[in-house]
């Protein structure tokens, strides 16, 4: 093999890599991820759809260490939305929704050190965290003002528009 400069990625390769990285960030399968990009037309709306999933809100509230762990918590019935049990990670949360941990689940090993972890954790501005009651209230829609967010979503939109 000849040595030299590594081959640069094509535009398609860059878009594919960005798509895979973003998809991994939200721990979604390809079909589900593609549907979000077909439903949203601009980076802001897609960002809001992805961020307002209950599994992502559980992660952003600090109840889970990763998006995958948050998804599993929801799937296994440890999470409640407005006092009702939920087990579908793709449910969209709305402003004034309250996310809490099921009372019976609080005794499990999974949530043992949660109060200690939450003391150091600072949630995003769109979530109000009650560290005593272990609840999170959705205060507003997350803002995608960050140009980095927009720059990450645009190549994925282009990828799916092929």
N, C-alpha and C. Protein backbone atom coordinates (compact mmCIF):
# COMPACT_ATOMS: atom_id res chain seq x y z
N UNK A 1 0.83 -1.18 0.00
CA UNK A 1 0.00 0.00 0.00
C UNK A 1 0.87 1.24 0.00
N UNK A 2 0.54 2.17 -0.84
CA UNK A 2 1.33 3.41 -0.84
C UNK A 2 1.00 4.26 0.38
N UNK A 3 2.06 4.85 0.90
CA UNK A 3 1.86 5.73 2.05
C UNK A 3 1.66 7.15 1.54
N UNK A 4 1.02 7.93 2.35
CA UNK A 4 0.79 9.32 1.97
C UNK A 4 -0.34 9.88 2.81
N UNK A 5 -0.90 10.91 2.26
CA UNK A 5 -1.99 11.55 2.98
C UNK A 5 -3.21 10.63 3.02
N UNK A 6 -3.91 10.63 4.15
CA UNK A 6 -5.14 9.85 4.19
C UNK A 6 -6.18 10.49 3.26
N UNK A 7 -6.98 9.64 2.67
CA UNK A 7 -7.99 10.11 1.73
C UNK A 7 -9.04 10.92 2.48
N UNK A 8 -9.38 12.09 1.93
CA UNK A 8 -10.39 12.92 2.57
C UNK A 8 -11.77 12.36 2.29
N UNK A 9 -12.67 12.58 3.27
CA UNK A 9 -14.03 12.09 3.11
C UNK A 9 -14.77 12.92 2.08
N UNK A 10 -15.63 12.25 1.35
CA UNK A 10 -16.50 12.96 0.42
C UNK A 10 -17.57 13.70 1.21
N UNK A 11 -18.34 14.53 0.54
CA UNK A 11 -19.43 15.25 1.20
C UNK A 11 -20.42 14.24 1.78
N UNK A 12 -20.70 13.19 1.01
CA UNK A 12 -21.60 12.13 1.48
C UNK A 12 -21.04 11.48 2.74
N UNK A 13 -19.76 11.19 2.76
CA UNK A 13 -19.11 10.57 3.91
C UNK A 13 -19.18 11.44 5.16
N UNK A 14 -19.00 12.76 4.96
CA UNK A 14 -19.10 13.68 6.09
C UNK A 14 -20.52 13.72 6.65
N UNK A 15 -21.51 13.75 5.74
CA UNK A 15 -22.91 13.77 6.15
C UNK A 15 -23.28 12.48 6.88
N UNK A 16 -22.81 11.36 6.35
CA UNK A 16 -23.10 10.07 6.97
C UNK A 16 -22.49 10.00 8.37
N UNK A 17 -21.26 10.44 8.51
CA UNK A 17 -20.59 10.42 9.82
C UNK A 17 -21.34 11.30 10.82
N UNK A 18 -21.78 12.47 10.38
CA UNK A 18 -22.52 13.38 11.27
C UNK A 18 -23.86 12.76 11.67
N UNK A 19 -24.52 12.12 10.71
CA UNK A 19 -25.80 11.45 10.99
C UNK A 19 -25.61 10.36 12.04
N UNK A 20 -24.61 9.54 11.86
CA UNK A 20 -24.36 8.44 12.78
C UNK A 20 -24.03 8.95 14.18
N UNK A 21 -23.26 10.03 14.25
CA UNK A 21 -22.88 10.59 15.55
C UNK A 21 -24.11 11.17 16.26
N UNK A 22 -24.93 11.91 15.52
CA UNK A 22 -26.12 12.51 16.11
C UNK A 22 -27.13 11.44 16.51
N UNK A 23 -27.25 10.42 15.69
CA UNK A 23 -28.16 9.31 16.00
C UNK A 23 -27.70 8.59 17.27
N UNK A 24 -26.41 8.43 17.43
CA UNK A 24 -25.86 7.81 18.63
C UNK A 24 -26.07 8.67 19.86
N UNK A 25 -26.01 9.98 19.70
CA UNK A 25 -26.22 10.91 20.80
C UNK A 25 -27.60 10.70 21.42
N UNK A 26 -28.61 10.50 20.57
CA UNK A 26 -29.98 10.33 21.06
C UNK A 26 -30.38 8.87 21.22
N UNK A 27 -29.45 7.95 20.95
CA UNK A 27 -29.67 6.51 21.13
C UNK A 27 -30.92 6.02 20.40
N UNK A 28 -31.03 6.39 19.13
CA UNK A 28 -32.19 6.00 18.33
C UNK A 28 -31.78 5.05 17.22
N UNK A 29 -32.72 4.23 16.81
CA UNK A 29 -32.50 3.36 15.67
C UNK A 29 -32.72 4.16 14.39
N UNK A 30 -32.21 3.65 13.29
CA UNK A 30 -32.22 4.38 12.03
C UNK A 30 -33.63 4.79 11.59
N UNK A 31 -34.57 3.89 11.61
CA UNK A 31 -35.92 4.18 11.13
C UNK A 31 -36.56 5.31 11.94
N UNK A 32 -36.42 5.23 13.25
CA UNK A 32 -37.00 6.24 14.13
C UNK A 32 -36.32 7.60 13.92
N UNK A 33 -35.01 7.58 13.79
CA UNK A 33 -34.25 8.81 13.58
C UNK A 33 -34.64 9.47 12.27
N UNK A 34 -34.78 8.67 11.23
CA UNK A 34 -35.16 9.19 9.90
C UNK A 34 -36.53 9.86 9.96
N UNK A 35 -37.46 9.31 10.73
CA UNK A 35 -38.80 9.89 10.83
C UNK A 35 -38.76 11.30 11.42
N UNK A 36 -37.87 11.55 12.37
CA UNK A 36 -37.76 12.89 12.92
C UNK A 36 -37.32 13.89 11.84
N UNK A 37 -36.43 13.45 10.97
CA UNK A 37 -35.96 14.35 9.91
C UNK A 37 -36.98 14.50 8.79
N UNK A 38 -37.86 13.55 8.63
CA UNK A 38 -38.94 13.69 7.66
C UNK A 38 -40.05 14.58 8.23
N UNK A 39 -40.23 14.56 9.56
CA UNK A 39 -41.28 15.36 10.21
C UNK A 39 -40.88 16.83 10.32
N UNK A 40 -39.61 17.09 10.58
CA UNK A 40 -39.15 18.46 10.77
C UNK A 40 -38.55 19.00 9.49
N UNK A 41 -38.71 20.29 9.28
CA UNK A 41 -38.21 20.88 8.04
C UNK A 41 -36.97 21.73 8.24
N UNK A 42 -36.77 22.22 9.45
CA UNK A 42 -35.58 23.04 9.69
C UNK A 42 -34.85 22.52 10.94
N UNK A 43 -33.59 22.92 11.11
CA UNK A 43 -32.81 22.41 12.25
C UNK A 43 -33.46 22.68 13.61
N UNK A 44 -34.10 23.83 13.78
CA UNK A 44 -34.72 24.15 15.07
C UNK A 44 -35.84 23.19 15.41
N UNK A 45 -36.72 22.91 14.45
CA UNK A 45 -37.86 22.02 14.74
C UNK A 45 -37.39 20.59 14.99
N UNK A 46 -36.39 20.14 14.26
CA UNK A 46 -35.85 18.79 14.47
C UNK A 46 -35.19 18.69 15.84
N UNK A 47 -34.41 19.71 16.19
CA UNK A 47 -33.76 19.75 17.51
C UNK A 47 -34.81 19.67 18.61
N UNK A 48 -35.89 20.43 18.49
CA UNK A 48 -36.93 20.44 19.52
C UNK A 48 -37.63 19.09 19.62
N UNK A 49 -37.88 18.45 18.47
CA UNK A 49 -38.51 17.13 18.49
C UNK A 49 -37.62 16.12 19.21
N UNK A 50 -36.33 16.16 18.95
CA UNK A 50 -35.40 15.22 19.58
C UNK A 50 -35.23 15.51 21.08
N UNK A 51 -35.12 16.77 21.44
CA UNK A 51 -34.89 17.13 22.84
C UNK A 51 -36.13 16.91 23.71
N UNK A 52 -37.32 17.04 23.14
CA UNK A 52 -38.56 16.95 23.93
C UNK A 52 -39.07 15.51 24.08
N UNK A 53 -38.28 14.54 23.67
CA UNK A 53 -38.63 13.14 23.95
C UNK A 53 -38.49 12.91 25.46
N UNK A 54 -39.34 12.07 26.02
CA UNK A 54 -39.27 11.87 27.48
C UNK A 54 -37.96 11.23 27.91
N UNK A 55 -37.43 10.31 27.10
CA UNK A 55 -36.16 9.70 27.50
C UNK A 55 -35.04 10.74 27.53
N UNK A 56 -35.04 11.66 26.58
CA UNK A 56 -34.03 12.70 26.58
C UNK A 56 -34.24 13.67 27.75
N UNK A 57 -35.49 13.99 28.06
CA UNK A 57 -35.78 14.89 29.19
C UNK A 57 -35.33 14.25 30.51
N UNK A 58 -35.51 12.95 30.65
CA UNK A 58 -35.05 12.24 31.85
C UNK A 58 -33.53 12.34 31.96
N UNK A 59 -32.84 12.19 30.84
CA UNK A 59 -31.38 12.32 30.81
C UNK A 59 -30.95 13.74 31.14
N UNK A 60 -31.58 14.72 30.51
CA UNK A 60 -31.23 16.13 30.73
C UNK A 60 -31.56 16.57 32.17
N UNK A 61 -32.55 15.96 32.79
CA UNK A 61 -32.89 16.28 34.18
C UNK A 61 -31.86 15.72 35.16
N UNK A 62 -31.01 14.81 34.69
CA UNK A 62 -29.97 14.25 35.54
C UNK A 62 -30.35 12.95 36.22
N UNK A 63 -31.49 12.38 35.86
CA UNK A 63 -31.93 11.13 36.48
C UNK A 63 -31.15 9.92 35.95
N UNK A 64 -30.53 10.06 34.77
CA UNK A 64 -29.78 8.96 34.16
C UNK A 64 -28.41 9.47 33.72
N UNK A 65 -27.46 8.56 33.62
CA UNK A 65 -26.10 8.93 33.23
C UNK A 65 -25.93 9.06 31.71
N UNK A 66 -26.84 8.44 30.96
CA UNK A 66 -26.75 8.51 29.49
C UNK A 66 -28.15 8.45 28.90
N UNK A 67 -28.23 8.76 27.61
CA UNK A 67 -29.51 8.67 26.92
C UNK A 67 -30.00 7.22 26.88
N UNK A 68 -29.07 6.31 26.70
CA UNK A 68 -29.46 4.89 26.66
C UNK A 68 -30.02 4.44 28.00
N UNK A 69 -29.40 4.87 29.09
CA UNK A 69 -29.88 4.52 30.43
C UNK A 69 -31.26 5.14 30.68
N UNK A 70 -31.44 6.38 30.21
CA UNK A 70 -32.74 7.05 30.38
C UNK A 70 -33.82 6.32 29.60
N UNK A 71 -33.47 5.89 28.39
CA UNK A 71 -34.42 5.15 27.56
C UNK A 71 -34.84 3.86 28.26
N UNK A 72 -33.87 3.20 28.86
CA UNK A 72 -34.16 1.96 29.57
C UNK A 72 -35.02 2.21 30.81
N UNK A 73 -34.74 3.29 31.53
CA UNK A 73 -35.55 3.63 32.71
C UNK A 73 -37.02 3.82 32.32
N UNK A 74 -37.24 4.52 31.22
CA UNK A 74 -38.61 4.75 30.76
C UNK A 74 -39.23 3.43 30.32
N UNK A 75 -38.51 2.66 29.53
CA UNK A 75 -39.03 1.38 29.02
C UNK A 75 -39.39 0.41 30.13
N UNK A 76 -38.65 0.44 31.23
CA UNK A 76 -38.89 -0.49 32.33
C UNK A 76 -39.90 0.03 33.34
N UNK A 77 -40.50 1.20 33.04
CA UNK A 77 -41.58 1.71 33.88
C UNK A 77 -41.16 2.42 35.14
N UNK A 78 -39.92 2.91 35.20
CA UNK A 78 -39.45 3.61 36.40
C UNK A 78 -39.86 5.08 36.41
N UNK A 79 -40.34 5.59 35.28
CA UNK A 79 -40.61 7.02 35.13
C UNK A 79 -42.11 7.28 35.01
N UNK A 80 -42.53 8.40 35.61
CA UNK A 80 -43.92 8.84 35.50
C UNK A 80 -43.95 10.22 34.84
N UNK A 81 -45.00 10.44 34.06
CA UNK A 81 -45.23 11.73 33.43
C UNK A 81 -46.56 12.26 33.94
N UNK A 82 -46.53 13.36 34.64
CA UNK A 82 -47.72 13.95 35.26
C UNK A 82 -48.46 12.95 36.15
N UNK A 83 -47.69 12.13 36.88
CA UNK A 83 -48.27 11.18 37.82
C UNK A 83 -48.73 9.87 37.21
N UNK A 84 -48.59 9.71 35.90
CA UNK A 84 -49.01 8.47 35.23
C UNK A 84 -47.79 7.72 34.74
N UNK A 85 -47.83 6.39 34.89
CA UNK A 85 -46.73 5.56 34.44
C UNK A 85 -46.58 5.64 32.92
N UNK A 86 -45.35 5.73 32.46
CA UNK A 86 -45.07 5.70 31.03
C UNK A 86 -43.99 4.66 30.76
N UNK A 87 -44.09 4.02 29.61
CA UNK A 87 -43.05 3.06 29.24
C UNK A 87 -42.68 3.18 27.76
N UNK A 88 -43.02 4.32 27.15
CA UNK A 88 -42.69 4.58 25.75
C UNK A 88 -41.70 5.75 25.70
N UNK A 89 -40.44 5.48 25.35
CA UNK A 89 -39.41 6.51 25.39
C UNK A 89 -39.61 7.66 24.40
N UNK A 90 -40.41 7.47 23.38
CA UNK A 90 -40.57 8.50 22.36
C UNK A 90 -41.68 9.51 22.66
N UNK A 91 -42.36 9.38 23.79
CA UNK A 91 -43.43 10.32 24.13
C UNK A 91 -42.84 11.74 24.17
N UNK A 92 -43.55 12.68 23.55
CA UNK A 92 -43.12 14.07 23.54
C UNK A 92 -43.63 14.77 24.80
N UNK A 93 -42.72 15.38 25.55
CA UNK A 93 -43.14 16.14 26.72
C UNK A 93 -43.52 17.55 26.28
N UNK A 94 -44.34 18.20 27.09
CA UNK A 94 -44.81 19.55 26.78
C UNK A 94 -44.47 20.47 27.95
N UNK A 95 -44.63 21.74 27.72
CA UNK A 95 -44.40 22.73 28.78
C UNK A 95 -45.36 22.44 29.93
N UNK A 96 -44.87 22.54 31.14
CA UNK A 96 -45.58 22.28 32.40
C UNK A 96 -45.76 20.80 32.72
N UNK A 97 -45.24 19.90 31.90
CA UNK A 97 -45.26 18.48 32.25
C UNK A 97 -44.28 18.25 33.41
N UNK A 98 -44.65 17.30 34.28
CA UNK A 98 -43.78 16.97 35.41
C UNK A 98 -43.33 15.52 35.27
N UNK A 99 -42.02 15.34 35.29
CA UNK A 99 -41.42 14.02 35.19
C UNK A 99 -40.95 13.62 36.58
N UNK A 100 -41.32 12.42 36.99
CA UNK A 100 -40.92 11.95 38.31
C UNK A 100 -40.52 10.48 38.23
N UNK A 101 -39.94 10.01 39.30
CA UNK A 101 -39.54 8.60 39.38
C UNK A 101 -40.62 7.88 40.17
N UNK A 102 -41.01 6.73 39.68
CA UNK A 102 -42.04 5.91 40.34
C UNK A 102 -41.59 5.62 41.77
N UNK A 103 -42.50 5.76 42.73
CA UNK A 103 -42.18 5.57 44.15
C UNK A 103 -41.55 4.21 44.42
N UNK A 104 -42.08 3.16 43.84
CA UNK A 104 -41.54 1.82 44.09
C UNK A 104 -40.12 1.69 43.52
N UNK A 105 -39.83 2.43 42.47
CA UNK A 105 -38.51 2.35 41.83
C UNK A 105 -37.42 3.05 42.65
N UNK A 106 -37.81 3.99 43.49
CA UNK A 106 -36.82 4.73 44.27
C UNK A 106 -36.01 3.83 45.20
N UNK A 107 -36.58 2.67 45.56
CA UNK A 107 -35.89 1.73 46.45
C UNK A 107 -34.84 0.89 45.71
N UNK A 108 -34.88 0.94 44.39
CA UNK A 108 -33.98 0.10 43.60
C UNK A 108 -32.55 0.66 43.61
N UNK A 109 -31.61 -0.23 43.37
CA UNK A 109 -30.18 0.11 43.34
C UNK A 109 -29.89 1.22 42.32
N UNK A 110 -30.62 1.23 41.24
CA UNK A 110 -30.44 2.19 40.16
C UNK A 110 -30.52 3.64 40.65
N UNK A 111 -31.38 3.90 41.63
CA UNK A 111 -31.61 5.26 42.11
C UNK A 111 -31.02 5.53 43.49
N UNK A 112 -30.18 4.62 43.97
CA UNK A 112 -29.66 4.70 45.33
C UNK A 112 -28.94 6.01 45.62
N UNK A 113 -28.02 6.41 44.77
CA UNK A 113 -27.20 7.61 45.01
C UNK A 113 -27.67 8.82 44.21
N UNK A 114 -28.89 8.78 43.73
CA UNK A 114 -29.38 9.84 42.85
C UNK A 114 -29.41 11.20 43.52
N UNK A 115 -29.84 11.27 44.77
CA UNK A 115 -29.92 12.56 45.48
C UNK A 115 -28.54 13.20 45.57
N UNK A 116 -27.52 12.40 45.85
CA UNK A 116 -26.15 12.91 45.96
C UNK A 116 -25.67 13.41 44.60
N UNK A 117 -25.94 12.65 43.54
CA UNK A 117 -25.51 13.03 42.19
C UNK A 117 -26.19 14.32 41.74
N UNK A 118 -27.46 14.47 42.08
CA UNK A 118 -28.20 15.65 41.63
C UNK A 118 -27.77 16.94 42.33
N UNK A 119 -27.14 16.83 43.50
CA UNK A 119 -26.67 18.04 44.19
C UNK A 119 -25.64 18.79 43.36
N UNK A 120 -24.83 18.06 42.62
CA UNK A 120 -23.78 18.67 41.81
C UNK A 120 -24.25 18.99 40.39
N UNK A 121 -25.39 18.44 39.99
CA UNK A 121 -25.84 18.55 38.60
C UNK A 121 -26.64 19.83 38.35
N UNK A 122 -26.37 20.47 37.24
CA UNK A 122 -27.11 21.67 36.83
C UNK A 122 -27.85 21.36 35.52
N UNK A 123 -29.19 21.24 35.57
CA UNK A 123 -29.95 20.91 34.36
C UNK A 123 -30.00 22.09 33.38
N UNK A 124 -30.38 21.84 32.13
CA UNK A 124 -30.52 22.95 31.18
C UNK A 124 -31.62 23.91 31.62
N UNK A 125 -31.62 25.10 31.05
CA UNK A 125 -32.54 26.16 31.46
C UNK A 125 -34.01 25.80 31.26
N UNK A 126 -34.30 24.90 30.34
CA UNK A 126 -35.70 24.58 30.05
C UNK A 126 -36.29 23.54 31.00
N UNK A 127 -35.49 23.06 31.95
CA UNK A 127 -35.97 22.08 32.94
C UNK A 127 -35.74 22.63 34.34
N UNK A 128 -36.80 22.63 35.16
CA UNK A 128 -36.68 23.01 36.57
C UNK A 128 -36.62 21.73 37.39
N UNK A 129 -35.53 21.53 38.09
CA UNK A 129 -35.30 20.29 38.84
C UNK A 129 -35.57 20.53 40.32
N UNK A 130 -36.44 19.69 40.89
CA UNK A 130 -36.68 19.71 42.34
C UNK A 130 -35.88 18.54 42.92
N UNK A 131 -34.75 18.85 43.51
CA UNK A 131 -33.83 17.83 44.01
C UNK A 131 -34.39 17.08 45.22
N UNK A 132 -35.29 17.70 45.96
CA UNK A 132 -35.86 17.06 47.16
C UNK A 132 -36.92 16.03 46.75
N UNK A 133 -37.83 16.42 45.89
CA UNK A 133 -38.93 15.54 45.48
C UNK A 133 -38.54 14.63 44.32
N UNK A 134 -37.36 14.85 43.76
CA UNK A 134 -36.89 14.12 42.58
C UNK A 134 -37.90 14.23 41.43
N UNK A 135 -38.25 15.46 41.11
CA UNK A 135 -39.12 15.73 39.97
C UNK A 135 -38.47 16.78 39.09
N UNK A 136 -38.88 16.76 37.83
CA UNK A 136 -38.40 17.75 36.87
C UNK A 136 -39.60 18.31 36.13
N UNK A 137 -39.67 19.62 36.04
CA UNK A 137 -40.77 20.28 35.35
C UNK A 137 -40.24 20.91 34.07
N UNK A 138 -40.95 20.69 32.99
CA UNK A 138 -40.57 21.28 31.71
C UNK A 138 -41.06 22.73 31.71
N UNK A 139 -40.15 23.68 31.72
CA UNK A 139 -40.49 25.09 31.83
C UNK A 139 -40.68 25.77 30.47
N UNK A 140 -39.95 25.31 29.47
CA UNK A 140 -40.04 25.92 28.14
C UNK A 140 -39.54 24.93 27.11
N UNK A 141 -39.59 25.35 25.88
CA UNK A 141 -39.07 24.52 24.78
C UNK A 141 -37.56 24.80 24.70
N UNK A 142 -36.74 23.76 24.53
CA UNK A 142 -35.30 24.00 24.45
C UNK A 142 -34.97 24.87 23.24
N UNK A 143 -34.05 25.77 23.42
CA UNK A 143 -33.66 26.69 22.35
C UNK A 143 -32.46 26.13 21.59
N UNK A 144 -32.54 26.18 20.29
CA UNK A 144 -31.44 25.72 19.44
C UNK A 144 -30.66 26.91 18.90
N UNK A 145 -30.47 27.94 19.75
CA UNK A 145 -29.77 29.13 19.31
C UNK A 145 -28.29 28.86 19.06
N UNK A 146 -27.80 27.84 19.68
CA UNK A 146 -26.39 27.50 19.54
C UNK A 146 -26.10 27.16 18.08
N UNK A 147 -25.19 27.88 17.41
CA UNK A 147 -24.90 27.59 16.00
C UNK A 147 -24.30 26.20 15.79
N UNK A 148 -23.70 25.64 16.83
CA UNK A 148 -23.12 24.30 16.71
C UNK A 148 -24.23 23.28 16.48
N UNK A 149 -25.36 23.44 17.17
CA UNK A 149 -26.49 22.52 17.01
C UNK A 149 -26.99 22.57 15.58
N UNK A 150 -27.17 23.77 15.07
CA UNK A 150 -27.65 23.94 13.70
C UNK A 150 -26.66 23.35 12.70
N UNK A 151 -25.38 23.55 12.93
CA UNK A 151 -24.37 23.03 12.01
C UNK A 151 -24.28 21.51 12.06
N UNK A 152 -24.70 20.90 13.16
CA UNK A 152 -24.71 19.44 13.25
C UNK A 152 -25.92 18.85 12.57
N UNK A 153 -27.04 19.56 12.57
CA UNK A 153 -28.28 19.03 12.02
C UNK A 153 -28.38 19.24 10.51
N UNK A 154 -27.84 20.35 9.99
CA UNK A 154 -27.95 20.65 8.56
C UNK A 154 -27.39 19.56 7.65
N UNK A 155 -26.19 19.01 7.93
CA UNK A 155 -25.70 17.94 7.06
C UNK A 155 -26.59 16.69 7.08
N UNK A 156 -27.25 16.44 8.21
CA UNK A 156 -28.12 15.28 8.31
C UNK A 156 -29.39 15.52 7.48
N UNK A 157 -29.89 16.76 7.50
CA UNK A 157 -31.03 17.10 6.65
C UNK A 157 -30.66 16.89 5.18
N UNK A 158 -29.48 17.34 4.80
CA UNK A 158 -29.01 17.15 3.43
C UNK A 158 -28.84 15.66 3.10
N UNK A 159 -28.37 14.91 4.07
CA UNK A 159 -28.19 13.46 3.86
C UNK A 159 -29.53 12.80 3.54
N UNK A 160 -30.57 13.13 4.32
CA UNK A 160 -31.89 12.51 4.12
C UNK A 160 -32.66 13.09 2.94
N UNK A 161 -32.22 14.24 2.43
CA UNK A 161 -32.94 14.83 1.28
C UNK A 161 -32.43 14.28 -0.05
N UNK A 162 -31.53 13.35 -0.03
CA UNK A 162 -31.00 12.75 -1.28
C UNK A 162 -32.05 11.91 -1.96
